[in-house]
Amino acid sequence: MAETKKCSFTGKQIPPGTGMMYVKKTGQVLYFINSKAKKNYINLNRIPARTRWTDTFHSKRDK
C-alpha cells in the first residue's frame, strides 16, 4: 500500500499520487501538497505557524 506523507508547510496529509517532493542541497526532503504551499515556504520564506490557512497555525493558536 502507498504511504501517505505530511505536507512540510500546511501539516495536511498528502494523498498517494499527488503533491510534490523538494530536496534541498543539504539532503533534507520536503513534501508539499500544492504549489501554494511550496511557494510560501521556498520563495516567500513564510513561517507556517504565522500563516493563517495552515493546520500548524490552528494547532498553535488552540494551545
PDB file of N, CA and C in Angstrom:
ATOM      1  N   MET A   1       0.844  -1.182   0.000  1.00  0.00           N
ATOM      2  CA  MET A   1       0.000   0.000   0.000  1.00  0.00           C
ATOM      3  C   MET A   1       0.887   1.243   0.000  1.00  0.00           C
ATOM      4  N   ALA A   2       0.418   2.271  -0.683  1.00  0.00           N
ATOM      5  CA  ALA A   2       1.177   3.517  -0.787  1.00  0.00           C
ATOM      6  C   ALA A   2       1.182   4.259   0.544  1.00  0.00           C
ATOM      7  N   GLU A   3       2.277   4.908   0.802  1.00  0.00           N
ATOM      8  CA  GLU A   3       2.445   5.617   2.056  1.00  0.00           C
ATOM      9  C   GLU A   3       1.992   7.073   1.900  1.00  0.00           C
ATOM     10  N   THR A   4       1.231   7.576   2.856  1.00  0.00           N
ATOM     11  CA  THR A   4       0.824   8.978   2.813  1.00  0.00           C
ATOM     12  C   THR A   4       1.875   9.821   3.509  1.00  0.00           C
ATOM     13  N   LYS A   5       2.135  10.974   2.968  1.00  0.00           N
ATOM     14  CA  LYS A   5       3.116  11.903   3.523  1.00  0.00           C
ATOM     15  C   LYS A   5       2.389  13.079   4.140  1.00  0.00           C
ATOM     16  N   LYS A   6       3.114  13.855   4.934  1.00  0.00           N
ATOM     17  CA  LYS A   6       2.570  15.041   5.573  1.00  0.00           C
ATOM     18  C   LYS A   6       3.227  16.263   4.944  1.00  0.00           C
ATOM     19  N   CYS A   7       2.439  17.264   4.587  1.00  0.00           N
ATOM     20  CA  CYS A   7       2.965  18.475   3.961  1.00  0.00           C
ATOM     21  C   CYS A   7       3.879  19.205   4.944  1.00  0.00           C
ATOM     22  N   SER A   8       5.031  19.624   4.471  1.00  0.00           N
ATOM     23  CA  SER A   8       6.009  20.306   5.320  1.00  0.00           C
ATOM     24  C   SER A   8       5.550  21.701   5.724  1.00  0.00           C
ATOM     25  N   PHE A   9       4.646  22.298   4.966  1.00  0.00           N
ATOM     26  CA  PHE A   9       4.187  23.653   5.278  1.00  0.00           C
ATOM     27  C   PHE A   9       2.835  23.651   5.974  1.00  0.00           C
ATOM     28  N   THR A  10       1.841  22.997   5.384  1.00  0.00           N
ATOM     29  CA  THR A  10       0.491  23.069   5.942  1.00  0.00           C
ATOM     30  C   THR A  10       0.234  22.068   7.047  1.00  0.00           C
ATOM     31  N   GLY A  11       0.914  20.935   7.015  1.00  0.00           N
ATOM     32  CA  GLY A  11       0.689  19.896   8.013  1.00  0.00           C
ATOM     33  C   GLY A  11      -0.419  18.936   7.629  1.00  0.00           C
ATOM     34  N   LYS A  12      -1.005  19.085   6.442  1.00  0.00           N
ATOM     35  CA  LYS A  12      -2.083  18.207   5.984  1.00  0.00           C
ATOM     36  C   LYS A  12      -1.506  16.942   5.372  1.00  0.00           C
ATOM     37  N   GLN A  13      -2.308  15.873   5.361  1.00  0.00           N
ATOM     38  CA  GLN A  13      -1.907  14.605   4.759  1.00  0.00           C
ATOM     39  C   GLN A  13      -1.984  14.716   3.239  1.00  0.00           C
ATOM     40  N   ILE A  14      -0.993  14.185   2.541  1.00  0.00           N
ATOM     41  CA  ILE A  14      -0.941  14.213   1.082  1.00  0.00           C
ATOM     42  C   ILE A  14      -1.380  12.852   0.567  1.00  0.00           C
ATOM     43  N   PRO A  15      -2.464  12.788  -0.224  1.00  0.00           N
ATOM     44  CA  PRO A  15      -2.893  11.501  -0.778  1.00  0.00           C
ATOM     45  C   PRO A  15      -1.843  10.922  -1.722  1.00  0.00           C
ATOM     46  N   PRO A  16      -1.753   9.602  -1.815  1.00  0.00           N
ATOM     47  CA  PRO A  16      -0.775   8.981  -2.719  1.00  0.00           C
ATOM     48  C   PRO A  16      -1.011   9.405  -4.171  1.00  0.00           C
ATOM     49  N   GLY A  17       0.076   9.681  -4.873  1.00  0.00           N
ATOM     50  CA  GLY A  17      -0.013  10.071  -6.274  1.00  0.00           C
ATOM     51  C   GLY A  17      -0.189  11.554  -6.501  1.00  0.00           C
ATOM     52  N   THR A  18      -0.222  12.342  -5.445  1.00  0.00           N
ATOM     53  CA  THR A  18      -0.386  13.789  -5.573  1.00  0.00           C
ATOM     54  C   THR A  18       0.730  14.489  -4.816  1.00  0.00           C
ATOM     55  N   GLY A  19       0.777  15.808  -4.930  1.00  0.00           N
ATOM     56  CA  GLY A  19       1.771  16.592  -4.217  1.00  0.00           C
ATOM     57  C   GLY A  19       3.116  16.579  -4.916  1.00  0.00           C
ATOM     58  N   MET A  20       4.096  17.189  -4.265  1.00  0.00           N
ATOM     59  CA  MET A  20       5.441  17.243  -4.845  1.00  0.00           C
ATOM     60  C   MET A  20       6.492  17.116  -3.755  1.00  0.00           C
ATOM     61  N   MET A  21       7.646  16.640  -4.162  1.00  0.00           N
ATOM     62  CA  MET A  21       8.762  16.446  -3.255  1.00  0.00           C
ATOM     63  C   MET A  21       9.859  17.426  -3.646  1.00  0.00           C
ATOM     64  N   TYR A  22      10.439  18.116  -2.673  1.00  0.00           N
ATOM     65  CA  TYR A  22      11.508  19.080  -2.908  1.00  0.00           C
ATOM     66  C   TYR A  22      12.701  18.661  -2.066  1.00  0.00           C
ATOM     67  N   VAL A  23      13.864  18.523  -2.700  1.00  0.00           N
ATOM     68  CA  VAL A  23      15.069  18.109  -1.998  1.00  0.00           C
ATOM     69  C   VAL A  23      16.034  19.285  -1.962  1.00  0.00           C
ATOM     70  N   LYS A  24      16.434  19.696  -0.756  1.00  0.00           N
ATOM     71  CA  LYS A  24      17.387  20.793  -0.595  1.00  0.00           C
ATOM     72  C   LYS A  24      18.805  20.292  -0.857  1.00  0.00           C
ATOM     73  N   LYS A  25      19.728  21.221  -1.004  1.00  0.00           N
ATOM     74  CA  LYS A  25      21.128  20.859  -1.232  1.00  0.00           C
ATOM     75  C   LYS A  25      21.710  20.107  -0.045  1.00  0.00           C
ATOM     76  N   THR A  26      21.160  20.327   1.141  1.00  0.00           N
ATOM     77  CA  THR A  26      21.634  19.653   2.346  1.00  0.00           C
ATOM     78  C   THR A  26      21.166  18.208   2.432  1.00  0.00           C
ATOM     79  N   GLY A  27      20.222  17.827   1.559  1.00  0.00           N
ATOM     80  CA  GLY A  27      19.686  16.476   1.577  1.00  0.00           C
ATOM     81  C   GLY A  27      18.355  16.380   2.287  1.00  0.00           C
ATOM     82  N   GLN A  28      17.887  17.467   2.847  1.00  0.00           N
ATOM     83  CA  GLN A  28      16.598  17.474   3.532  1.00  0.00           C
ATOM     84  C   GLN A  28      15.480  17.357   2.505  1.00  0.00           C
ATOM     85  N   VAL A  29      14.508  16.474   2.751  1.00  0.00           N
ATOM     86  CA  VAL A  29      13.398  16.250   1.833  1.00  0.00           C
ATOM     87  C   VAL A  29      12.158  16.938   2.394  1.00  0.00           C
ATOM     88  N   LEU A  30      11.525  17.776   1.560  1.00  0.00           N
ATOM     89  CA  LEU A  30      10.304  18.469   1.935  1.00  0.00           C
ATOM     90  C   LEU A  30       9.186  18.012   1.022  1.00  0.00           C
ATOM     91  N   TYR A  31       8.003  17.793   1.578  1.00  0.00           N
ATOM     92  CA  TYR A  31       6.832  17.380   0.811  1.00  0.00           C
ATOM     93  C   TYR A  31       5.809  18.502   0.863  1.00  0.00           C
ATOM     94  N   PHE A  32       5.195  18.791  -0.298  1.00  0.00           N
ATOM     95  CA  PHE A  32       4.202  19.857  -0.375  1.00  0.00           C
ATOM     96  C   PHE A  32       2.936  19.329  -1.021  1.00  0.00           C
ATOM     97  N   ILE A  33       1.791  19.781  -0.503  1.00  0.00           N
ATOM     98  CA  ILE A  33       0.503  19.332  -1.002  1.00  0.00           C
ATOM     99  C   ILE A  33       0.132  20.032  -2.305  1.00  0.00           C
ATOM    100  N   ASN A  34       0.571  21.275  -2.491  1.00  0.00           N
ATOM    101  CA  ASN A  34       0.280  22.019  -3.720  1.00  0.00           C
ATOM    102  C   ASN A  34       1.329  23.099  -3.941  1.00  0.00           C
ATOM    103  N   SER A  35       1.223  23.797  -5.056  1.00  0.00           N
ATOM    104  CA  SER A  35       2.212  24.823  -5.391  1.00  0.00           C
ATOM    105  C   SER A  35       2.101  26.035  -4.473  1.00  0.00           C
ATOM    106  N   LYS A  36       0.920  26.287  -3.931  1.00  0.00           N
ATOM    107  CA  LYS A  36       0.737  27.408  -3.000  1.00  0.00           C
ATOM    108  C   LYS A  36       1.601  27.211  -1.754  1.00  0.00           C
ATOM    109  N   ALA A  37       1.603  26.008  -1.223  1.00  0.00           N
ATOM    110  CA  ALA A  37       2.402  25.706  -0.034  1.00  0.00           C
ATOM    111  C   ALA A  37       3.891  25.791  -0.346  1.00  0.00           C
ATOM    112  N   LYS A  38       4.292  25.289  -1.516  1.00  0.00           N
ATOM    113  CA  LYS A  38       5.701  25.321  -1.905  1.00  0.00           C
ATOM    114  C   LYS A  38       6.188  26.750  -2.084  1.00  0.00           C
ATOM    115  N   LYS A  39       5.423  27.584  -2.750  1.00  0.00           N
ATOM    116  CA  LYS A  39       5.816  28.977  -2.983  1.00  0.00           C
ATOM    117  C   LYS A  39       5.926  29.746  -1.670  1.00  0.00           C
ATOM    118  N   ASN A  40       4.993  29.509  -0.759  1.00  0.00           N
ATOM    119  CA  ASN A  40       5.026  30.204   0.528  1.00  0.00           C
ATOM    120  C   ASN A  40       6.235  29.800   1.351  1.00  0.00           C
ATOM    121  N   TYR A  41       6.639  28.549   1.290  1.00  0.00           N
ATOM    122  CA  TYR A  41       7.761  28.064   2.087  1.00  0.00           C
ATOM    123  C   TYR A  41       9.113  28.376   1.446  1.00  0.00           C
ATOM    124  N   ILE A  42       9.255  28.072   0.151  1.00  0.00           N
ATOM    125  CA  ILE A  42      10.543  28.207  -0.534  1.00  0.00           C
ATOM    126  C   ILE A  42      10.790  29.640  -0.994  1.00  0.00           C
ATOM    127  N   ASN A  43       9.879  30.206  -1.771  1.00  0.00           N
ATOM    128  CA  ASN A  43      10.099  31.516  -2.384  1.00  0.00           C
ATOM    129  C   ASN A  43       9.864  32.682  -1.432  1.00  0.00           C
ATOM    130  N   LEU A  44       8.788  32.622  -0.658  1.00  0.00           N
ATOM    131  CA  LEU A  44       8.412  33.745   0.202  1.00  0.00           C
ATOM    132  C   LEU A  44       8.948  33.635   1.622  1.00  0.00           C
ATOM    133  N   ASN A  45       9.539  32.484   1.963  1.00  0.00           N
ATOM    134  CA  ASN A  45      10.140  32.253   3.287  1.00  0.00           C
ATOM    135  C   ASN A  45       9.176  32.533   4.434  1.00  0.00           C
ATOM    136  N   ARG A  46       7.934  32.112   4.278  1.00  0.00           N
ATOM    137  CA  ARG A  46       6.941  32.316   5.331  1.00  0.00           C
ATOM    138  C   ARG A  46       7.032  31.212   6.367  1.00  0.00           C
ATOM    139  N   ILE A  47       6.664  31.557   7.584  1.00  0.00           N
ATOM    140  CA  ILE A  47       6.683  30.612   8.696  1.00  0.00           C
ATOM    141  C   ILE A  47       5.276  30.015   8.831  1.00  0.00           C
ATOM    142  N   PRO A  48       5.140  28.683   8.809  1.00  0.00           N
ATOM    143  CA  PRO A  48       3.813  28.061   8.855  1.00  0.00           C
ATOM    144  C   PRO A  48       2.988  28.450  10.085  1.00  0.00           C
ATOM    145  N   ALA A  49       3.619  28.656  11.216  1.00  0.00           N
ATOM    146  CA  ALA A  49       2.883  28.990  12.440  1.00  0.00           C
ATOM    147  C   ALA A  49       2.291  30.396  12.395  1.00  0.00           C
ATOM    148  N   ARG A  50       2.754  31.232  11.479  1.00  0.00           N
ATOM    149  CA  ARG A  50       2.229  32.593  11.348  1.00  0.00           C
ATOM    150  C   ARG A  50       1.303  32.766  10.146  1.00  0.00           C
ATOM    151  N   THR A  51       1.094  31.710   9.387  1.00  0.00           N
ATOM    152  CA  THR A  51       0.240  31.760   8.208  1.00  0.00           C
ATOM    153  C   THR A  51      -1.116  31.183   8.577  1.00  0.00           C
ATOM    154  N   ARG A  52      -2.168  31.990   8.455  1.00  0.00           N
ATOM    155  CA  ARG A  52      -3.483  31.643   8.980  1.00  0.00           C
ATOM    156  C   ARG A  52      -4.127  30.398   8.384  1.00  0.00           C
ATOM    157  N   TRP A  53      -3.862  30.070   7.137  1.00  0.00           N
ATOM    158  CA  TRP A  53      -4.569  28.971   6.479  1.00  0.00           C
ATOM    159  C   TRP A  53      -3.901  27.609   6.683  1.00  0.00           C
ATOM    160  N   THR A  54      -2.878  27.512   7.514  1.00  0.00           N
ATOM    161  CA  THR A  54      -2.209  26.234   7.751  1.00  0.00           C
ATOM    162  C   THR A  54      -2.738  25.556   9.010  1.00  0.00           C
ATOM    163  N   ASP A  55      -2.602  24.244   9.067  1.00  0.00           N
ATOM    164  CA  ASP A  55      -3.003  23.493  10.259  1.00  0.00           C
ATOM    165  C   ASP A  55      -2.075  23.796  11.431  1.00  0.00           C
ATOM    166  N   THR A  56      -0.823  24.119  11.133  1.00  0.00           N
ATOM    167  CA  THR A  56       0.149  24.449  12.170  1.00  0.00           C
ATOM    168  C   THR A  56      -0.284  25.701  12.919  1.00  0.00           C
ATOM    169  N   PHE A  57      -0.786  26.684  12.209  1.00  0.00           N
ATOM    170  CA  PHE A  57      -1.267  27.923  12.828  1.00  0.00           C
ATOM    171  C   PHE A  57      -2.407  27.635  13.786  1.00  0.00           C
ATOM    172  N   HIS A  58      -3.364  26.799  13.334  1.00  0.00           N
ATOM    173  CA  HIS A  58      -4.527  26.497  14.170  1.00  0.00           C
ATOM    174  C   HIS A  58      -4.155  25.659  15.384  1.00  0.00           C
ATOM    175  N   SER A  59      -3.200  24.766  15.255  1.00  0.00           N
ATOM    176  CA  SER A  59      -2.805  23.961  16.416  1.00  0.00           C
ATOM    177  C   SER A  59      -2.047  24.812  17.430  1.00  0.00           C
ATOM    178  N   LYS A  60      -1.243  25.769  16.998  1.00  0.00           N
ATOM    179  CA  LYS A  60      -0.522  26.666  17.911  1.00  0.00           C
ATOM    180  C   LYS A  60      -1.490  27.614  18.592  1.00  0.00           C
ATOM    181  N   ARG A  61      -2.495  28.082  17.842  1.00  0.00           N
ATOM    182  CA  ARG A  61      -3.450  29.045  18.377  1.00  0.00           C
ATOM    183  C   ARG A  61      -4.341  28.422  19.445  1.00  0.00           C
ATOM    184  N   ASP A  62      -4.689  27.154  19.296  1.00  0.00           N
ATOM    185  CA  ASP A  62      -5.575  26.472  20.245  1.00  0.00           C
ATOM    186  C   ASP A  62      -4.913  26.221  21.592  1.00  0.00           C
ATOM    187  N   LYS A  63      -3.582  26.213  21.619  1.00  0.00           N
ATOM    188  CA  LYS A  63      -2.883  25.912  22.883  1.00  0.00           C
ATOM    189  C   LYS A  63      -2.861  27.069  23.813  1.00  0.00           C
TER     190      LYS A  63
END
